[in-house]
Each structure stands twice: as C-alpha cells, then as structure tokens.
Amino acid sequence: MSLVRVHNFSVSLDGFGAGEGQQLDTPFGHAGSRLMEWAIATRTFRAMGLHGESSASFGVDDAFASAWGPGIGVEIMGRNKFGPVRGPWEDDEWKGWWGDNPVFHTPVVVLTHHPRPVLAMDGGTTFHFVDADPASALEQARAVAGDLDVRIGGGVSTVRQFLEADLIDHMHIVLVPIVLGRGERLWDGLEGLEQRFDIEATPSPSGVVHLVFTRRTAR
C-alpha cells in the first residue's frame, strides 16, 4: 500500500505551526516568514519560485527539502492552506496562493465543508474540494494517486487530524528556533504520539532541527 507522508512541516519551539491572524497577505499569521526561512534558501524552493531574501543554503536543509516531491501522486490539504477565507466561499475566483501554475503538479484534495467545482490549473495541478473525514479523504486520494504516495500538506489542523486518526506513516517536522506564543499548535491532544514512531533528529547549521518520524508497525 502507498505511504502517507508529511514533509517540510515547520513548527516553533513552543509547537506552533502557524501564527495568529492569517490573512491574504500573511499566510502564516503573525509568524510571517520566520517558520519557513530555512526552506526558502534551499535549491528546491528556489526551483519552485518560492523564495525571497534569505540566508545561505545548507546541504542538510537542501536534502530534506528535496524529498518533498519524489514519489508523490496526490496531496491532501486543509481549506486554510488553500486560502484565508473561512465558511462559504466569498470568491469562487480564488485559486490559491500559488498563481496560475501551482507547485504541486499533481491532483490536490482540499478538505472543506463547502465543496466547489473541480479547479484545473496549469502544470497538471487539479484541486478537488471535498467534505470528508481523514479516512474517507485518504481513500479518495489513493484512488487518484495509483501506486504513488499521498502527501499531507497541512495546515496544522489537517496534519493533527491525520495523526489523531493514526493514518501517517512518515513525517518530517522541522523544529525552528523561534517562540511564537500564539497561533495554532500541532501537538495538542497527541500525548504519547512518540510511542507510534521511531524518531531521528538531524541538526542543521541554519539553526533548525529536522525530526523524522517513521511508523514502527504497518497499518
């Protein structure tokens, strides 16, 4: 069976994967770009056009960032990774944060209580908007992924729900040395999570620590 994977998911020292106050011009809320500064310097993110002013790239960060794409047949993301609007869609013209040619180049399942028609974009990305629990969403994703793996792309609530449902096989979490104090915390309600996974930690000269969680027993 294909694996369910999480890659390049950054959290602060106090466990927040997004800051408070997400808006159109601040996708990570008051955290700004601080959670992703390690990533925007990497060759992988530069190749995707997701870069800005940043420090030098480090090999260990490049190696982890580059594992994001290979072997992935579909991504599952939450509604608020796709856009900042809650509730009914106010603007059906909204096509996500990534422009006309999103970085995914695969089908993407967007979890929402307000489904809308399929949205086909340039480069092979097709957004499917579904109202489903994690297990049902995964079943739908695997139907279009074939033998390839499924990536859980975020945001925080979506990753946490898939962990709660015990559906994740491989997870790469990046511990960023900042304290946010408020926002959306990843680990709430997941006491004892470490018992399900073997965990390896790899520090980087950029200051982050890459944590790799690998499921101990097959589902």
Protein backbone atom coordinates (compact mmCIF):
# COMPACT_ATOMS: atom_id res chain seq x y z
CA MET A 1 0.00 0.00 0.00
CA SER A 2 1.17 3.54 -0.70
CA LEU A 3 2.56 5.58 2.18
CA VAL A 4 1.05 8.68 3.77
CA ARG A 5 3.78 11.29 4.19
CA VAL A 6 4.33 14.75 5.67
CA HIS A 7 7.31 16.84 4.51
CA ASN A 8 8.90 20.18 5.40
CA PHE A 9 6.33 20.97 8.08
CA SER A 10 7.78 23.65 10.35
CA VAL A 11 6.89 24.28 13.98
CA SER A 12 8.21 26.74 16.54
CA LEU A 13 9.90 25.74 19.79
CA ASP A 14 6.54 26.09 21.53
CA GLY A 15 4.84 23.87 18.97
CA PHE A 16 3.02 26.33 16.73
CA GLY A 17 2.83 25.54 13.02
CA ALA A 18 1.11 28.83 12.16
CA GLY A 19 0.81 32.16 13.88
CA GLU A 20 -2.32 34.02 14.84
CA GLY A 21 -4.16 36.23 12.35
CA GLN A 22 -3.88 34.51 8.96
CA GLN A 23 -4.86 36.91 6.17
CA LEU A 24 -4.37 37.25 2.44
CA ASP A 25 -1.02 38.97 2.83
CA THR A 26 0.10 36.90 5.85
CA PRO A 27 -0.48 33.18 5.15
CA PHE A 28 1.31 32.21 8.39
CA GLY A 29 -0.30 34.92 10.51
CA HIS A 30 1.93 36.92 12.86
CA ALA A 31 4.72 34.35 12.33
CA GLY A 32 5.35 35.90 8.92
CA SER A 33 8.07 34.03 7.03
CA ARG A 34 10.01 33.02 10.16
CA LEU A 35 8.83 29.40 10.16
CA MET A 36 9.96 28.92 6.55
CA GLU A 37 13.20 30.91 6.36
CA TRP A 38 15.24 27.69 6.43
CA ALA A 39 13.29 26.42 3.39
CA ILE A 40 13.24 29.48 1.17
CA ALA A 41 17.03 29.33 0.96
CA THR A 42 17.06 25.79 -0.45
CA ARG A 43 17.51 24.79 -4.07
CA THR A 44 14.15 23.00 -4.00
CA PHE A 45 12.22 26.12 -3.04
CA ARG A 46 14.19 28.31 -5.42
CA ALA A 47 13.33 25.93 -8.25
CA MET A 48 9.64 26.27 -7.35
CA GLY A 49 9.91 30.05 -7.37
CA LEU A 50 9.11 30.15 -3.63
CA HIS A 51 11.96 32.27 -2.42
CA GLY A 52 12.81 35.73 -1.28
CA GLU A 53 15.62 37.39 0.59
CA SER A 54 17.21 34.65 2.64
CA SER A 55 20.43 33.40 4.15
CA ALA A 56 22.77 30.92 2.52
CA SER A 57 21.52 27.43 1.73
CA PHE A 58 22.82 24.50 3.78
CA GLY A 59 23.23 20.99 2.36
CA VAL A 60 21.27 19.25 5.09
CA ASP A 61 18.30 21.56 4.53
CA ASP A 62 18.52 21.02 0.76
CA ALA A 63 18.48 17.25 1.25
CA PHE A 64 15.37 17.29 3.41
CA ALA A 65 13.52 19.85 1.30
CA SER A 66 14.12 17.88 -1.90
CA ALA A 67 12.31 14.80 -0.53
CA TRP A 68 9.01 16.71 -0.76
CA GLY A 69 8.16 15.75 -4.33
CA PRO A 70 9.52 12.35 -5.44
CA GLY A 71 7.01 9.50 -5.31
CA ILE A 72 4.00 11.70 -4.51
CA GLY A 73 0.82 11.13 -6.51
CA VAL A 74 -1.58 13.45 -4.68
CA GLU A 75 -1.63 15.98 -1.84
CA ILE A 76 -4.31 16.43 0.81
CA MET A 77 -4.55 19.90 2.32
CA GLY A 78 -6.91 21.76 4.58
CA ARG A 79 -9.14 24.59 3.48
CA ASN A 80 -6.94 27.27 5.03
CA LYS A 81 -3.79 26.11 3.28
CA PHE A 82 -5.65 26.77 0.03
CA GLY A 83 -6.84 30.22 1.11
CA PRO A 84 -7.59 32.54 4.04
CA VAL A 85 -11.40 32.54 3.82
CA ARG A 86 -13.50 30.58 6.34
CA GLY A 87 -17.10 29.49 5.82
CA PRO A 88 -18.88 29.74 2.44
CA TRP A 89 -16.70 30.80 -0.46
CA GLU A 90 -16.92 34.53 -0.92
CA ASP A 91 -14.97 34.48 -4.17
CA ASP A 92 -15.06 31.45 -6.48
CA GLU A 93 -12.31 33.13 -8.49
CA TRP A 94 -9.79 32.47 -5.71
CA LYS A 95 -7.31 29.86 -6.98
CA GLY A 96 -4.91 29.54 -4.09
CA TRP A 97 -1.70 31.27 -3.01
CA TRP A 98 0.46 29.88 -5.85
CA GLY A 99 -0.63 31.64 -9.06
CA ASP A 100 -1.78 30.02 -12.30
CA ASN A 101 0.85 27.25 -12.19
CA PRO A 102 0.86 25.86 -8.62
CA VAL A 103 3.88 23.99 -7.34
CA PHE A 104 2.13 20.64 -6.84
CA HIS A 105 1.76 19.31 -10.42
CA THR A 106 -0.48 16.54 -9.07
CA PRO A 107 -4.12 16.30 -8.01
CA VAL A 108 -4.79 18.06 -4.69
CA VAL A 109 -7.66 17.16 -2.36
CA VAL A 110 -8.81 20.22 -0.41
CA LEU A 111 -10.81 19.44 2.74
CA THR A 112 -13.71 21.84 3.20
CA HIS A 113 -17.27 21.83 4.49
CA HIS A 114 -18.16 23.93 1.44
CA PRO A 115 -17.30 21.93 -1.71
CA ARG A 116 -16.96 23.73 -5.03
CA PRO A 117 -16.32 22.54 -8.61
CA VAL A 118 -13.01 20.95 -9.55
CA LEU A 119 -10.38 23.57 -10.40
CA ALA A 120 -7.86 22.62 -13.11
CA MET A 121 -4.70 24.71 -13.19
CA ASP A 122 -1.61 24.91 -15.39
CA GLY A 123 1.15 22.36 -14.87
CA GLY A 124 -1.09 19.42 -14.02
CA THR A 125 -2.44 20.61 -10.66
CA THR A 126 -6.14 19.90 -10.17
CA PHE A 127 -7.88 20.94 -6.95
CA HIS A 128 -10.73 18.69 -5.74
CA PHE A 129 -12.84 20.19 -2.95
CA VAL A 130 -14.38 17.55 -0.70
CA ASP A 131 -16.22 17.37 2.60
CA ALA A 132 -14.74 14.24 4.19
CA ASP A 133 -13.14 12.90 7.34
CA PRO A 134 -9.44 11.92 7.16
CA ALA A 135 -10.05 8.24 6.38
CA SER A 136 -12.55 9.00 3.61
CA ALA A 137 -10.34 11.73 2.17
CA LEU A 138 -7.39 9.34 2.12
CA GLU A 139 -9.47 6.72 0.30
CA GLN A 140 -10.41 9.29 -2.35
CA ALA A 141 -6.82 10.48 -2.65
CA ARG A 142 -5.45 6.98 -3.10
CA ALA A 143 -7.98 6.38 -5.88
CA VAL A 144 -6.28 9.07 -7.96
CA ALA A 145 -2.70 8.51 -6.73
CA GLY A 146 -2.38 4.99 -8.08
CA ASP A 147 0.71 3.30 -6.62
CA LEU A 148 2.27 6.62 -5.59
CA ASP A 149 2.29 8.06 -2.08
CA VAL A 150 -0.09 10.58 -0.54
CA ARG A 151 1.33 13.77 0.97
CA ILE A 152 -0.49 15.53 3.82
CA GLY A 153 0.40 19.13 3.12
CA GLY A 154 -1.13 20.96 6.07
CA GLY A 155 -2.12 23.18 7.62
CA VAL A 156 -1.74 22.45 11.28
CA SER A 157 -5.27 21.17 11.92
CA THR A 158 -5.14 18.82 8.95
CA VAL A 159 -1.84 17.22 9.97
CA ARG A 160 -3.09 16.88 13.55
CA GLN A 161 -6.34 15.22 12.43
CA PHE A 162 -4.45 12.65 10.34
CA LEU A 163 -2.17 11.95 13.31
CA GLU A 164 -5.19 11.56 15.59
CA ALA A 165 -6.64 9.08 13.10
CA ASP A 166 -3.29 7.19 13.04
CA LEU A 167 -3.01 7.50 9.26
CA ILE A 168 0.52 8.88 8.82
CA ASP A 169 3.46 6.60 8.00
CA HIS A 170 6.31 9.09 7.55
CA MET A 171 6.55 12.62 8.91
CA HIS A 172 9.26 15.26 8.55
CA ILE A 173 8.89 18.04 11.11
CA VAL A 174 11.29 20.99 11.19
CA LEU A 175 11.84 22.49 14.64
CA VAL A 176 12.55 26.19 14.14
CA PRO A 177 14.29 28.09 16.97
CA ILE A 178 11.65 30.78 17.47
CA VAL A 179 8.91 31.21 20.09
CA LEU A 180 5.56 32.36 18.68
CA GLY A 181 3.45 32.32 21.84
CA ARG A 182 0.16 32.09 19.99
CA GLY A 183 -1.37 30.60 16.88
CA GLU A 184 -2.22 27.01 16.01
CA ARG A 185 -0.31 24.33 17.90
CA LEU A 186 0.43 20.99 16.28
CA TRP A 187 0.86 18.69 19.26
CA ASP A 188 -2.31 19.41 21.25
CA GLY A 189 -4.23 16.21 22.03
CA LEU A 190 -1.42 13.94 20.77
CA GLU A 191 0.02 12.73 24.07
CA GLY A 192 2.03 9.53 23.58
CA LEU A 193 2.50 10.09 19.84
CA GLU A 194 6.19 9.15 20.15
CA GLN A 195 5.22 5.58 21.00
CA ARG A 196 3.98 5.02 17.45
CA PHE A 197 7.13 6.19 15.69
CA ASP A 198 10.88 5.80 15.54
CA ILE A 199 12.24 9.36 15.64
CA GLU A 200 15.54 10.64 14.27
CA ALA A 201 16.86 14.17 14.80
CA THR A 202 19.29 15.90 12.43
CA PRO A 203 20.53 19.40 13.31
CA SER A 204 21.37 21.93 10.60
CA PRO A 205 23.80 24.87 10.59
CA SER A 206 20.78 27.03 9.75
CA GLY A 207 19.63 26.50 13.34
CA VAL A 208 16.69 24.20 12.67
CA VAL A 209 16.43 20.54 13.67
CA HIS A 210 14.92 18.06 11.23
CA LEU A 211 12.80 15.43 13.01
CA VAL A 212 11.86 12.34 11.01
CA PHE A 213 9.04 10.16 12.38
CA THR A 214 8.78 6.65 10.88
CA ARG A 215 5.88 4.39 11.79
CA ARG A 216 7.03 1.41 13.85
CA THR A 217 4.36 -1.06 12.74
CA ALA A 218 2.49 -1.39 9.47
CA ARG A 219 -1.19 -0.48 9.35
